């Protein structure tokens, strides 16, 4: 078998079989398939797609290119959540401990931020001492003993995906739905989970701006899960404006702590409750999704979710006192305001521009080797549909020593204010599972 022939078949839209795909991924993992050959294959997939069988085999081959964890020693149905990313998306921070506090084990392997979206690992590392670089043995122990583990991808998990992800970033094949779906699912299925809830975002602050593209991605990932014997549910959420008030690492941890104490922004609470309800239902501790909602609201209001987060932080080397004393988080005392130039109603907030502004301040990365400043970020004090007066404070920047002028310019330009009233958009779109699409 030659890799040339595999590339040629995909280029010419001929179906690949399982052995050909396994040969390609095995060779790419061990280095016998060169980057330029995999680049050609990725571009062929970009233009010609993959059949459901090809995509299932491709995902399985990447999944089995390294370690596939098992959590058989952990009682219960293991459920994780994955978000496709968005500005101000800190949902994993309150969600994971809340679901674990309800009795569902949550083995969560997350990523870092790049570009306009933040990364869960960067946010967690703003907690003094918090260690996301745990061993596989630690991972199993924490899921078993604490009920949750929040770590980064190890070198042994889906190494083919790690190589291909970096290659896609420099070959204009990042926005290819089969490659996105297989990348996400190969990493998630390597965690040892039984079920998965997907938070698939669309809009100006999301990776997929068009709802149609995001729904196609959701259906593709649900289909992969079904073929591989896993329960997968996708919820579509709107990212046409930032989530919550805070954008930035320590700021988003602080806002997450508010949610764990039973208050905080309504949209963060709503999404946490909805995704958690799905996880509890898949985890078989809630008879229905509505029962899951009730359990989530209870655990966020009675202190159990906050206590579980303390337990997770302590188990991963962090300072659990931050849960009750957020002043222990990194902070800056430098503030800059952006105010409304005219009166009217907010018709649009370009969430991507808000994310880029935070990145320019040092809250994100333009390059993978950029150093994060956990202190900085942006407070978003307006929402689509809000009436504002000239001079009202729209954004407050918490700043360090760079990027202020450019960040302010982007924020001043990212809002559209008009005279006509506007109904605020819903955060929720369709619910997608193996049976198809349905209402929330």
Protein backbone atom coordinates (compact mmCIF):
# COMPACT_ATOMS: atom_id res chain seq x y z
CA UNK A 1 0.00 0.00 0.00
CA UNK A 2 1.27 3.50 -0.87
CA UNK A 3 0.22 6.79 0.67
CA UNK A 4 0.26 8.27 -2.85
CA UNK A 5 -2.62 5.94 -3.80
CA UNK A 6 -4.65 6.93 -0.72
CA UNK A 7 -4.24 10.62 -1.53
CA UNK A 8 -5.12 10.03 -5.18
CA UNK A 9 -8.31 8.12 -4.31
CA UNK A 10 -9.50 10.89 -1.99
CA UNK A 11 -8.59 13.51 -4.62
CA UNK A 12 -10.64 11.61 -7.21
CA UNK A 13 -13.61 11.10 -4.84
CA UNK A 14 -13.18 7.35 -4.68
CA UNK A 15 -14.18 5.69 -1.38
CA UNK A 16 -11.43 4.71 1.03
CA UNK A 17 -11.60 1.54 3.10
CA UNK A 18 -10.71 1.11 6.76
CA UNK A 19 -7.30 -0.43 6.07
CA UNK A 20 -6.26 2.50 3.88
CA UNK A 21 -7.23 5.05 6.52
CA UNK A 22 -5.50 3.11 9.31
CA UNK A 23 -2.37 2.88 7.12
CA UNK A 24 -2.41 6.66 6.57
CA UNK A 25 -2.84 7.58 10.25
CA UNK A 26 -0.38 4.96 11.50
CA UNK A 27 2.23 6.25 9.05
CA UNK A 28 1.61 9.87 9.95
CA UNK A 29 1.97 9.07 13.65
CA UNK A 30 5.29 7.22 13.22
CA UNK A 31 6.68 9.71 10.70
CA UNK A 32 6.70 7.51 7.59
CA UNK A 33 3.96 9.71 6.07
CA UNK A 34 5.39 13.20 5.58
CA UNK A 35 3.70 16.46 6.48
CA UNK A 36 3.44 17.43 2.82
CA UNK A 37 1.60 14.18 2.07
CA UNK A 38 -0.84 14.65 4.95
CA UNK A 39 -1.33 18.26 3.81
CA UNK A 40 -2.37 17.00 0.39
CA UNK A 41 -4.77 14.51 1.97
CA UNK A 42 -6.28 17.19 4.24
CA UNK A 43 -6.86 19.50 1.27
CA UNK A 44 -8.52 16.65 -0.64
CA UNK A 45 -10.84 16.11 2.34
CA UNK A 46 -11.49 19.86 2.51
CA UNK A 47 -12.87 19.81 -1.04
CA UNK A 48 -14.39 16.31 -1.23
CA UNK A 49 -15.47 15.54 2.35
CA UNK A 50 -15.74 12.08 3.91
CA UNK A 51 -18.47 9.49 3.96
CA UNK A 52 -19.89 8.52 7.40
CA UNK A 53 -17.90 5.27 7.29
CA UNK A 54 -14.68 7.02 6.29
CA UNK A 55 -15.15 9.58 9.04
CA UNK A 56 -15.79 6.89 11.65
CA UNK A 57 -12.66 4.96 10.59
CA UNK A 58 -10.59 8.14 10.45
CA UNK A 59 -11.69 9.16 13.97
CA UNK A 60 -11.07 5.67 15.31
CA UNK A 61 -7.58 5.57 13.76
CA UNK A 62 -6.67 8.91 15.37
CA UNK A 63 -8.20 7.80 18.66
CA UNK A 64 -6.09 4.61 18.65
CA UNK A 65 -2.90 6.37 17.52
CA UNK A 66 -2.04 6.67 21.23
CA UNK A 67 -3.39 5.73 24.64
CA UNK A 68 -7.11 5.16 25.02
CA UNK A 69 -7.92 5.59 28.68
CA UNK A 70 -10.30 3.36 30.55
CA UNK A 71 -12.13 4.33 33.71
CA UNK A 72 -13.66 0.96 34.50
CA UNK A 73 -12.68 1.36 38.16
CA UNK A 74 -14.88 4.47 38.40
CA UNK A 75 -18.48 3.69 39.28
CA UNK A 76 -21.24 5.31 37.26
CA UNK A 77 -21.63 6.66 33.75
CA UNK A 78 -18.73 8.98 32.89
CA UNK A 79 -19.88 12.10 31.03
CA UNK A 80 -17.89 15.02 29.62
CA UNK A 81 -18.82 18.26 27.88
CA UNK A 82 -17.05 19.93 24.97
CA UNK A 83 -17.54 23.47 23.71
CA UNK A 84 -16.48 24.59 20.26
CA UNK A 85 -15.41 27.87 21.91
CA UNK A 86 -16.57 31.43 22.19
CA UNK A 87 -15.80 34.79 23.77
CA UNK A 88 -16.43 34.74 27.51
CA UNK A 89 -17.18 31.00 27.44
CA UNK A 90 -16.25 29.91 30.95
CA UNK A 91 -19.07 27.36 31.24
CA UNK A 92 -16.80 24.38 32.04
CA UNK A 93 -15.67 26.01 35.30
CA UNK A 94 -19.05 26.02 37.07
CA UNK A 95 -20.46 23.11 35.05
CA UNK A 96 -17.94 20.36 35.85
CA UNK A 97 -18.06 20.69 39.66
CA UNK A 98 -21.84 21.13 39.67
CA UNK A 99 -22.39 17.94 37.65
CA UNK A 100 -19.84 16.04 39.76
CA UNK A 101 -21.58 17.24 42.93
CA UNK A 102 -24.77 15.63 41.59
CA UNK A 103 -23.02 12.25 41.35
CA UNK A 104 -21.93 12.02 37.70
CA UNK A 105 -18.15 11.48 37.19
CA UNK A 106 -16.71 14.19 34.90
CA UNK A 107 -13.35 13.37 33.26
CA UNK A 108 -12.62 16.63 31.43
CA UNK A 109 -9.58 17.15 29.20
CA UNK A 110 -9.51 20.72 27.94
CA UNK A 111 -7.41 23.01 25.76
CA UNK A 112 -5.70 26.37 25.71
CA UNK A 113 -6.85 29.54 24.01
CA UNK A 114 -5.61 30.75 20.65
CA UNK A 115 -6.88 33.86 18.88
CA UNK A 116 -10.12 35.45 19.98
CA UNK A 117 -11.40 32.58 22.17
CA UNK A 118 -10.10 31.75 25.63
CA UNK A 119 -8.95 28.36 26.87
CA UNK A 120 -10.23 26.51 29.93
CA UNK A 121 -6.69 25.55 30.97
CA UNK A 122 -5.50 29.18 30.92
CA UNK A 123 -8.43 30.19 33.11
CA UNK A 124 -7.78 27.40 35.60
CA UNK A 125 -4.09 28.29 35.77
CA UNK A 126 -5.01 31.78 36.99
CA UNK A 127 -5.97 30.03 40.25
CA UNK A 128 -2.77 30.08 42.36
CA UNK A 129 -1.06 26.69 42.24
CA UNK A 130 -3.64 24.94 40.04
CA UNK A 131 -1.93 22.14 38.07
CA UNK A 132 -3.48 21.04 34.79
CA UNK A 133 -0.52 18.82 33.84
CA UNK A 134 -1.51 15.64 35.63
CA UNK A 135 -0.37 12.11 34.87
CA UNK A 136 -2.72 9.44 33.59
CA UNK A 137 -2.57 7.75 37.01
CA UNK A 138 -3.53 11.05 38.69
CA UNK A 139 -6.35 11.50 36.18
CA UNK A 140 -7.86 8.12 37.03
CA UNK A 141 -7.41 8.66 40.76
CA UNK A 142 -9.05 12.09 40.74
CA UNK A 143 -12.03 10.96 38.68
CA UNK A 144 -12.47 8.03 41.06
CA UNK A 145 -11.91 9.85 44.36
CA UNK A 146 -13.06 13.42 43.63
CA UNK A 147 -15.52 12.76 40.83
CA UNK A 148 -13.89 15.22 38.44
CA UNK A 149 -10.54 16.05 36.88
CA UNK A 150 -9.73 19.17 34.81
CA UNK A 151 -6.50 18.62 32.88
CA UNK A 152 -4.79 19.22 29.54
CA UNK A 153 -4.20 16.73 26.74
CA UNK A 154 -1.22 14.48 27.41
CA UNK A 155 1.29 13.61 24.69
CA UNK A 156 0.01 10.03 24.71
CA UNK A 157 -3.62 10.90 23.91
CA UNK A 158 -4.49 11.01 20.18
CA UNK A 159 -0.98 12.06 19.04
CA UNK A 160 -2.04 11.87 15.38
CA UNK A 161 -4.63 14.55 16.05
CA UNK A 162 -2.08 16.76 17.77
CA UNK A 163 0.18 16.61 14.70
CA UNK A 164 -2.67 17.08 12.25
CA UNK A 165 -4.17 19.98 14.22
CA UNK A 166 -0.89 21.90 13.95
CA UNK A 167 -0.64 21.09 10.25
CA UNK A 168 -4.20 22.24 9.51
CA UNK A 169 -3.41 25.56 11.18
CA UNK A 170 -0.80 26.37 8.51
CA UNK A 171 -2.42 24.77 5.45
CA UNK A 172 -5.82 26.57 5.32
CA UNK A 173 -7.74 23.43 6.35
CA UNK A 174 -8.79 24.44 9.87
CA UNK A 175 -12.41 25.14 8.87
CA UNK A 176 -13.07 21.67 7.42
CA UNK A 177 -16.02 20.03 9.16
CA UNK A 178 -14.89 16.36 8.84
CA UNK A 179 -11.43 17.28 10.18
CA UNK A 180 -12.87 19.43 12.99
CA UNK A 181 -15.33 16.71 14.00
CA UNK A 182 -12.76 13.90 13.96
CA UNK A 183 -10.28 16.05 15.90
CA UNK A 184 -12.75 16.82 18.68
CA UNK A 185 -14.20 13.34 18.91
CA UNK A 186 -10.87 11.46 18.82
CA UNK A 187 -9.63 13.46 21.83
CA UNK A 188 -12.88 13.17 23.74
CA UNK A 189 -13.33 9.45 23.16
CA UNK A 190 -9.75 8.84 24.35
CA UNK A 191 -10.74 10.11 27.81
CA UNK A 192 -12.61 6.96 28.79
CA UNK A 193 -16.05 8.57 28.72
CA UNK A 194 -19.39 6.84 28.21
CA UNK A 195 -21.31 9.89 26.99
CA UNK A 196 -20.69 13.43 25.78
CA UNK A 197 -22.61 16.71 25.66
CA UNK A 198 -21.52 19.12 22.93
CA UNK A 199 -21.97 22.89 23.22
CA UNK A 200 -21.76 23.91 19.56
CA UNK A 201 -21.62 27.67 19.17
CA UNK A 202 -22.50 29.92 16.26
CA UNK A 203 -22.35 33.66 15.67
CA UNK A 204 -19.78 36.44 15.59
CA UNK A 205 -17.86 35.21 18.63
CA UNK A 206 -17.77 31.55 17.59
CA UNK A 207 -15.45 29.57 15.37
CA UNK A 208 -18.42 28.75 13.12
CA UNK A 209 -20.27 31.98 12.43
CA UNK A 210 -23.09 30.52 10.31
CA UNK A 211 -25.79 28.52 12.10
CA UNK A 212 -26.02 26.12 9.16
CA UNK A 213 -22.33 25.25 9.41
CA UNK A 214 -22.52 24.81 13.19
CA UNK A 215 -25.53 22.49 12.89
CA UNK A 216 -23.71 20.42 10.25
CA UNK A 217 -20.73 20.11 12.60
CA UNK A 218 -23.04 19.10 15.47
CA UNK A 219 -24.79 16.43 13.40
CA UNK A 220 -21.43 15.13 12.19
CA UNK A 221 -20.08 14.73 15.72
CA UNK A 222 -23.29 13.12 16.97
CA UNK A 223 -23.08 10.69 14.05
CA UNK A 224 -19.47 9.78 14.90
CA UNK A 225 -20.50 9.15 18.51
CA UNK A 226 -23.35 6.87 17.45
CA UNK A 227 -21.11 4.84 15.12
CA UNK A 228 -18.60 4.43 17.95
CA UNK A 229 -21.17 3.34 20.53
CA UNK A 230 -21.28 6.52 22.61
CA UNK A 231 -24.26 8.63 23.63
CA UNK A 232 -23.81 12.15 22.29
CA UNK A 233 -26.16 15.14 22.54
CA UNK A 234 -25.44 18.55 20.99
CA UNK A 235 -26.91 21.86 22.09
CA UNK A 236 -26.63 24.88 19.80
CA UNK A 237 -25.84 28.16 21.57
CA UNK A 238 -25.70 31.69 20.18
CA UNK A 239 -22.39 33.56 20.39
CA UNK A 240 -23.38 36.81 18.64
CA UNK A 241 -22.38 38.58 21.85
CA UNK A 242 -19.98 37.65 24.67
CA UNK A 243 -21.12 35.22 27.35
CA UNK A 244 -21.58 36.80 30.75
CA UNK A 245 -19.91 40.06 31.72
CA UNK A 246 -16.26 39.07 32.09
CA UNK A 247 -13.78 38.28 29.28
CA UNK A 248 -10.30 37.35 30.50
CA UNK A 249 -8.78 34.56 32.55
CA UNK A 250 -8.91 35.46 36.26
CA UNK A 251 -11.98 37.61 35.57
CA UNK A 252 -13.82 34.61 34.14
CA UNK A 253 -12.82 32.46 37.11
CA UNK A 254 -14.27 35.12 39.41
CA UNK A 255 -17.52 35.17 37.43
CA UNK A 256 -17.66 31.36 37.53
CA UNK A 257 -17.35 31.49 41.31
CA UNK A 258 -20.37 33.80 41.37
CA UNK A 259 -22.34 31.14 39.48
CA UNK A 260 -21.16 28.41 41.86
CA UNK A 261 -22.50 30.54 44.71
CA UNK A 262 -25.94 30.73 43.13
CA UNK A 263 -25.74 34.09 41.39
CA UNK A 264 -23.95 35.65 38.43
CA UNK A 265 -25.06 36.54 34.88
CA UNK A 266 -28.33 35.00 33.77
CA UNK A 267 -26.95 33.64 30.49
CA UNK A 268 -24.07 31.82 32.19
CA UNK A 269 -26.46 30.28 34.70
CA UNK A 270 -28.92 29.26 31.98
CA UNK A 271 -26.31 27.52 29.81
CA UNK A 272 -24.71 25.85 32.83
CA UNK A 273 -28.11 24.50 33.90
CA UNK A 274 -29.06 23.31 30.40
CA UNK A 275 -25.79 21.52 29.64
CA UNK A 276 -25.66 20.11 33.15
CA UNK A 277 -29.20 18.79 32.83
CA UNK A 278 -28.21 16.93 29.65
CA UNK A 279 -25.14 15.50 31.40
CA UNK A 280 -27.16 14.33 34.41
CA UNK A 281 -29.70 12.68 32.13
CA UNK A 282 -27.00 10.88 30.12
CA UNK A 283 -25.28 10.02 33.41
CA UNK A 284 -28.47 8.29 34.60
CA UNK A 285 -28.91 10.33 37.77
CA UNK A 286 -31.80 12.34 36.30
CA UNK A 287 -34.85 10.54 34.93
CA UNK A 288 -35.54 13.39 32.48
CA UNK A 289 -33.76 16.52 31.29
CA UNK A 290 -36.25 18.59 33.30
CA UNK A 291 -35.34 16.61 36.41
CA UNK A 292 -31.71 17.40 35.56
CA UNK A 293 -32.50 21.11 35.42
CA UNK A 294 -34.02 20.99 38.88
CA UNK A 295 -31.00 19.15 40.28
CA UNK A 296 -28.61 21.66 38.69
CA UNK A 297 -30.47 24.67 40.11
CA UNK A 298 -30.44 23.04 43.54
CA UNK A 299 -26.72 22.21 43.56
CA UNK A 300 -25.80 25.75 42.45
CA UNK A 301 -27.91 27.34 45.18
CA UNK A 302 -27.20 25.13 48.20
CA UNK A 303 -23.40 25.28 48.21
CA UNK A 304 -22.63 21.75 47.04
CA UNK A 305 -21.21 22.86 43.67
CA UNK A 306 -18.92 25.42 45.33
CA UNK A 307 -17.67 22.82 47.83
CA UNK A 308 -16.94 20.39 45.00
CA UNK A 309 -14.89 23.03 43.19
CA UNK A 310 -12.88 23.60 46.38
CA UNK A 311 -12.21 19.86 46.48
CA UNK A 312 -11.10 19.81 42.82
CA UNK A 313 -8.80 22.82 43.27
CA UNK A 314 -7.14 21.34 46.34
CA UNK A 315 -6.71 17.93 44.66
CA UNK A 316 -4.95 19.61 41.71
CA UNK A 317 -2.55 21.64 43.84
CA UNK A 318 -4.42 24.95 43.83
CA UNK A 319 -5.49 27.25 46.64
CA UNK A 320 -9.11 26.35 47.47
CA UNK A 321 -9.55 29.57 49.44
CA UNK A 322 -10.23 31.40 46.17
CA UNK A 323 -13.74 29.92 46.14
CA UNK A 324 -14.69 32.08 49.13
CA UNK A 325 -12.09 34.80 48.60
CA UNK A 326 -11.73 35.77 44.89
CA UNK A 327 -9.35 38.56 45.89
CA UNK A 328 -6.66 35.84 45.92
CA UNK A 329 -6.89 35.71 42.11
CA UNK A 330 -4.45 37.79 40.03
CA UNK A 331 -5.75 41.32 39.47
CA UNK A 332 -4.75 44.74 38.19
CA UNK A 333 -5.84 48.11 39.53
CA UNK A 334 -5.60 49.86 36.13
CA UNK A 335 -8.98 50.57 34.51
CA UNK A 336 -9.99 52.18 31.22
CA UNK A 337 -13.60 52.90 30.23
CA UNK A 338 -15.25 52.90 26.82
CA UNK A 339 -18.44 54.99 26.75
CA UNK A 340 -21.34 55.36 24.34
CA UNK A 341 -20.88 58.14 21.80
CA UNK A 342 -24.63 58.48 21.27
CA UNK A 343 -27.99 57.39 22.66
CA UNK A 344 -29.97 54.53 21.17
CA UNK A 345 -30.46 50.76 21.31
CA UNK A 346 -27.62 48.24 20.96
CA UNK A 347 -28.32 46.25 17.80
CA UNK A 348 -25.04 44.33 17.51
CA UNK A 349 -21.89 43.53 19.49
CA UNK A 350 -19.12 41.92 17.47
CA UNK A 351 -18.04 39.32 20.01
CA UNK A 352 -14.99 38.36 17.96
CA UNK A 353 -13.69 41.93 18.25
CA UNK A 354 -14.20 41.84 22.03
CA UNK A 355 -12.14 38.64 22.16
CA UNK A 356 -9.39 40.13 20.02
CA UNK A 357 -9.33 43.23 22.25
CA UNK A 358 -8.79 41.00 25.29
CA UNK A 359 -6.03 39.16 23.44
CA UNK A 360 -4.29 42.45 22.61
CA UNK A 361 -4.26 43.32 26.33
CA UNK A 362 -2.44 40.04 27.01
CA UNK A 363 -5.48 37.91 27.91
CA UNK A 364 -5.04 35.60 24.91
CA UNK A 365 -2.54 34.35 22.35
CA UNK A 366 -1.91 35.41 18.77
CA UNK A 367 0.83 32.71 18.67
CA UNK A 368 1.05 29.47 20.60
CA UNK A 369 4.20 30.67 22.43
CA UNK A 370 2.66 33.96 23.64
CA UNK A 371 2.58 34.39 27.43
CA UNK A 372 -0.83 35.01 29.04
CA UNK A 373 -1.37 37.83 31.54
CA UNK A 374 -4.10 36.34 33.76
CA UNK A 375 -4.99 39.71 35.31
CA UNK A 376 -6.28 41.52 32.24
CA UNK A 377 -9.56 41.48 30.40
CA UNK A 378 -12.78 43.27 29.65
CA UNK A 379 -16.05 43.82 31.49
CA UNK A 380 -18.98 43.97 29.07
CA UNK A 381 -21.67 46.22 30.52
CA UNK A 382 -24.21 46.17 27.71
CA UNK A 383 -26.24 43.60 25.80
CA UNK A 384 -28.01 43.46 22.45
CA UNK A 385 -31.41 45.10 22.96
CA UNK A 386 -30.26 47.42 25.75
CA UNK A 387 -31.11 51.12 25.59
CA UNK A 388 -28.07 53.33 26.25
CA UNK A 389 -27.51 57.05 26.73
CA UNK A 390 -24.58 59.06 25.46
CA UNK A 391 -21.78 58.73 27.98
CA UNK A 392 -22.97 55.39 29.42
CA UNK A 393 -20.14 52.99 30.27
CA UNK A 394 -20.20 50.15 27.74
CA UNK A 395 -16.91 48.39 28.51
CA UNK A 396 -14.35 48.53 31.30
CA UNK A 397 -10.88 47.31 30.41
CA UNK A 398 -8.72 45.87 33.17
CA UNK A 399 -5.28 46.46 31.71
CA UNK A 400 -1.61 45.71 32.17
CA UNK A 401 1.22 47.21 30.18
CA UNK A 402 0.27 46.63 26.54
CA UNK A 403 -2.40 46.82 23.88
CA UNK A 404 -4.65 49.44 25.47
CA UNK A 405 -4.94 51.87 22.52
CA UNK A 406 -5.67 49.14 19.97
CA UNK A 407 -8.10 47.37 22.30
CA UNK A 408 -10.07 50.56 22.96
CA UNK A 409 -10.28 51.30 19.22
CA UNK A 410 -11.69 47.82 18.53
CA UNK A 411 -14.26 48.10 21.32
CA UNK A 412 -15.40 51.53 20.16
CA UNK A 413 -16.04 50.10 16.70
CA UNK A 414 -17.59 46.75 17.67
CA UNK A 415 -21.06 48.04 18.69
CA UNK A 416 -23.87 49.14 16.42
CA UNK A 417 -26.30 51.54 18.09
CA UNK A 418 -29.55 52.45 16.32
CA UNK A 419 -32.79 54.23 17.21
CA UNK A 420 -35.26 51.37 16.79
CA UNK A 421 -36.02 48.98 19.69
CA UNK A 422 -34.82 45.38 19.33
CA UNK A 423 -35.82 42.13 21.00
CA UNK A 424 -32.79 40.44 22.63
CA UNK A 425 -31.78 37.23 20.82
CA UNK A 426 -32.15 33.82 22.44
CA UNK A 427 -29.01 32.04 23.61
CA UNK A 428 -30.35 28.61 22.61
CA UNK A 429 -30.81 26.93 19.24
CA UNK A 430 -31.73 23.36 18.40
CA UNK A 431 -31.01 20.21 20.38
CA UNK A 432 -29.45 17.50 18.22
CA UNK A 433 -29.09 13.82 19.09
CA UNK A 434 -28.99 10.53 17.21
CA UNK A 435 -32.70 10.89 16.42
CA UNK A 436 -32.19 14.25 14.70
CA UNK A 437 -32.92 17.89 15.60
CA UNK A 438 -35.52 19.09 18.02
CA UNK A 439 -36.52 22.03 20.19
CA UNK A 440 -34.64 22.82 23.39
